């Protein structure tokens, strides 16, 4: 008798989701997921913390409603951890770069730390 394998986190699904399907991206998060965002406005001592898929969905709706492109540059998956680099560009040429570290459970994201920086000037 074989044992059932737990669902695996799929980097290619992440790529397709990041590059244009926020509904698929949301489906990669566990119901109780937490996202911690660090950037110039929400610095490490006071990060923005999103709890659960409803709050994460609101953030994704905001981000994907903007006139910009998203590209998954790299993704590494190892056991219950993953990390990826995403680059974005607004229609006016402003660029954003983000790095994310993920904790996974049963193939779903349970924790994400997102650090982002963008062009200023």
Protein backbone atom coordinates (compact mmCIF):
# COMPACT_ATOMS: atom_id res chain seq x y z
CA UNK A 1 0.00 0.00 0.00
CA UNK A 2 1.42 3.39 -1.02
CA UNK A 3 1.31 6.56 0.96
CA UNK A 4 -0.35 9.64 -0.41
CA UNK A 5 2.10 12.38 -1.24
CA UNK A 6 1.29 15.80 0.08
CA UNK A 7 0.55 18.36 -2.63
CA UNK A 8 3.68 20.01 -3.97
CA UNK A 9 4.17 23.72 -4.49
CA UNK A 10 4.50 24.26 -8.23
CA UNK A 11 6.90 26.96 -9.45
CA UNK A 12 5.37 26.99 -12.94
CA UNK A 13 1.89 27.64 -11.51
CA UNK A 14 3.42 30.47 -9.47
CA UNK A 15 4.96 31.90 -12.66
CA UNK A 16 1.67 31.88 -14.56
CA UNK A 17 -0.14 33.38 -11.56
CA UNK A 18 2.38 36.16 -10.93
CA UNK A 19 2.55 37.06 -14.60
CA UNK A 20 -1.14 37.66 -14.97
CA UNK A 21 -3.67 35.65 -13.00
CA UNK A 22 -4.31 37.07 -9.52
CA UNK A 23 -7.11 34.56 -8.88
CA UNK A 24 -4.69 31.69 -9.39
CA UNK A 25 -2.15 33.51 -7.25
CA UNK A 26 -4.68 33.85 -4.43
CA UNK A 27 -5.43 30.12 -4.67
CA UNK A 28 -1.80 29.38 -3.76
CA UNK A 29 -2.32 30.80 -0.25
CA UNK A 30 -3.66 28.82 2.69
CA UNK A 31 -6.81 30.22 4.32
CA UNK A 32 -4.79 31.27 7.37
CA UNK A 33 -1.79 32.67 5.46
CA UNK A 34 0.12 35.71 6.67
CA UNK A 35 1.99 38.14 4.43
CA UNK A 36 4.52 40.59 5.85
CA UNK A 37 5.46 43.48 3.52
CA UNK A 38 8.61 45.54 4.02
CA UNK A 39 9.34 48.58 1.86
CA UNK A 40 10.13 52.29 2.21
CA UNK A 41 6.71 52.96 3.77
CA UNK A 42 6.47 49.88 5.98
CA UNK A 43 9.96 49.39 7.31
CA UNK A 44 11.21 46.29 9.18
CA UNK A 45 10.23 47.52 12.63
CA UNK A 46 6.65 48.25 11.44
CA UNK A 47 5.88 45.99 8.48
CA UNK A 48 2.46 45.78 6.90
CA UNK A 49 1.00 42.42 7.95
CA UNK A 50 -1.92 40.85 6.12
CA UNK A 51 -3.85 38.04 7.80
CA UNK A 52 -5.87 35.53 5.79
CA UNK A 53 -6.94 35.25 2.21
CA UNK A 54 -9.44 38.16 2.37
CA UNK A 55 -6.74 40.69 3.24
CA UNK A 56 -4.30 39.11 0.77
CA UNK A 57 -7.01 39.22 -1.92
CA UNK A 58 -7.53 42.96 -1.34
CA UNK A 59 -3.79 43.58 -1.77
CA UNK A 60 -3.67 41.49 -4.97
CA UNK A 61 -6.75 43.26 -6.35
CA UNK A 62 -5.02 46.60 -5.78
CA UNK A 63 -1.71 45.54 -7.31
CA UNK A 64 -3.20 43.82 -10.35
CA UNK A 65 -5.58 46.73 -11.07
CA UNK A 66 -2.57 48.91 -11.91
CA UNK A 67 -1.21 49.40 -15.43
CA UNK A 68 1.93 47.34 -14.99
CA UNK A 69 3.58 44.10 -16.02
CA UNK A 70 4.79 41.37 -13.65
CA UNK A 71 7.56 38.86 -14.32
CA UNK A 72 8.76 35.99 -12.16
CA UNK A 73 12.54 36.14 -12.50
CA UNK A 74 13.58 33.18 -10.37
CA UNK A 75 11.98 30.67 -8.04
CA UNK A 76 13.60 28.10 -5.79
CA UNK A 77 11.57 25.47 -3.95
CA UNK A 78 13.12 23.27 -1.27
CA UNK A 79 10.94 21.21 1.02
CA UNK A 80 8.57 23.47 2.95
CA UNK A 81 10.30 26.67 1.80
CA UNK A 82 10.38 28.63 -1.42
CA UNK A 83 11.82 31.94 -2.54
CA UNK A 84 11.24 34.03 -5.63
CA UNK A 85 12.21 37.27 -7.32
CA UNK A 86 9.57 39.32 -9.14
CA UNK A 87 10.19 42.32 -11.36
CA UNK A 88 7.44 44.73 -12.36
CA UNK A 89 7.22 47.74 -14.62
CA UNK A 90 4.58 50.45 -14.71
CA UNK A 91 3.46 51.84 -18.06
CA UNK A 92 5.50 55.01 -17.39
CA UNK A 93 8.72 52.98 -17.00
CA UNK A 94 8.95 52.95 -13.19
CA UNK A 95 10.32 49.59 -12.08
CA UNK A 96 9.69 47.56 -8.94
CA UNK A 97 11.75 44.63 -7.69
CA UNK A 98 10.60 42.30 -4.94
CA UNK A 99 12.01 39.30 -3.14
CA UNK A 100 9.78 36.86 -1.29
CA UNK A 101 10.54 34.08 1.16
CA UNK A 102 7.73 31.57 1.62
CA UNK A 103 6.83 28.93 4.17
CA UNK A 104 4.67 26.15 2.74
CA UNK A 105 2.21 23.62 4.14
CA UNK A 106 0.51 21.00 1.97
CA UNK A 107 1.57 22.87 -1.17
CA UNK A 108 0.07 26.19 -0.03
CA UNK A 109 1.76 29.40 1.12
CA UNK A 110 1.28 29.89 4.86
CA UNK A 111 3.80 32.70 5.43
CA UNK A 112 5.38 35.20 3.07
CA UNK A 113 7.92 37.90 3.74
CA UNK A 114 7.95 40.33 0.82
CA UNK A 115 10.65 42.97 0.50
CA UNK A 116 10.19 45.47 -2.31
CA UNK A 117 11.94 48.50 -3.75
CA UNK A 118 11.03 50.74 -6.64
CA UNK A 119 12.49 53.53 -8.76
CA UNK A 120 12.22 56.96 -7.27
CA UNK A 121 13.21 60.22 -8.64
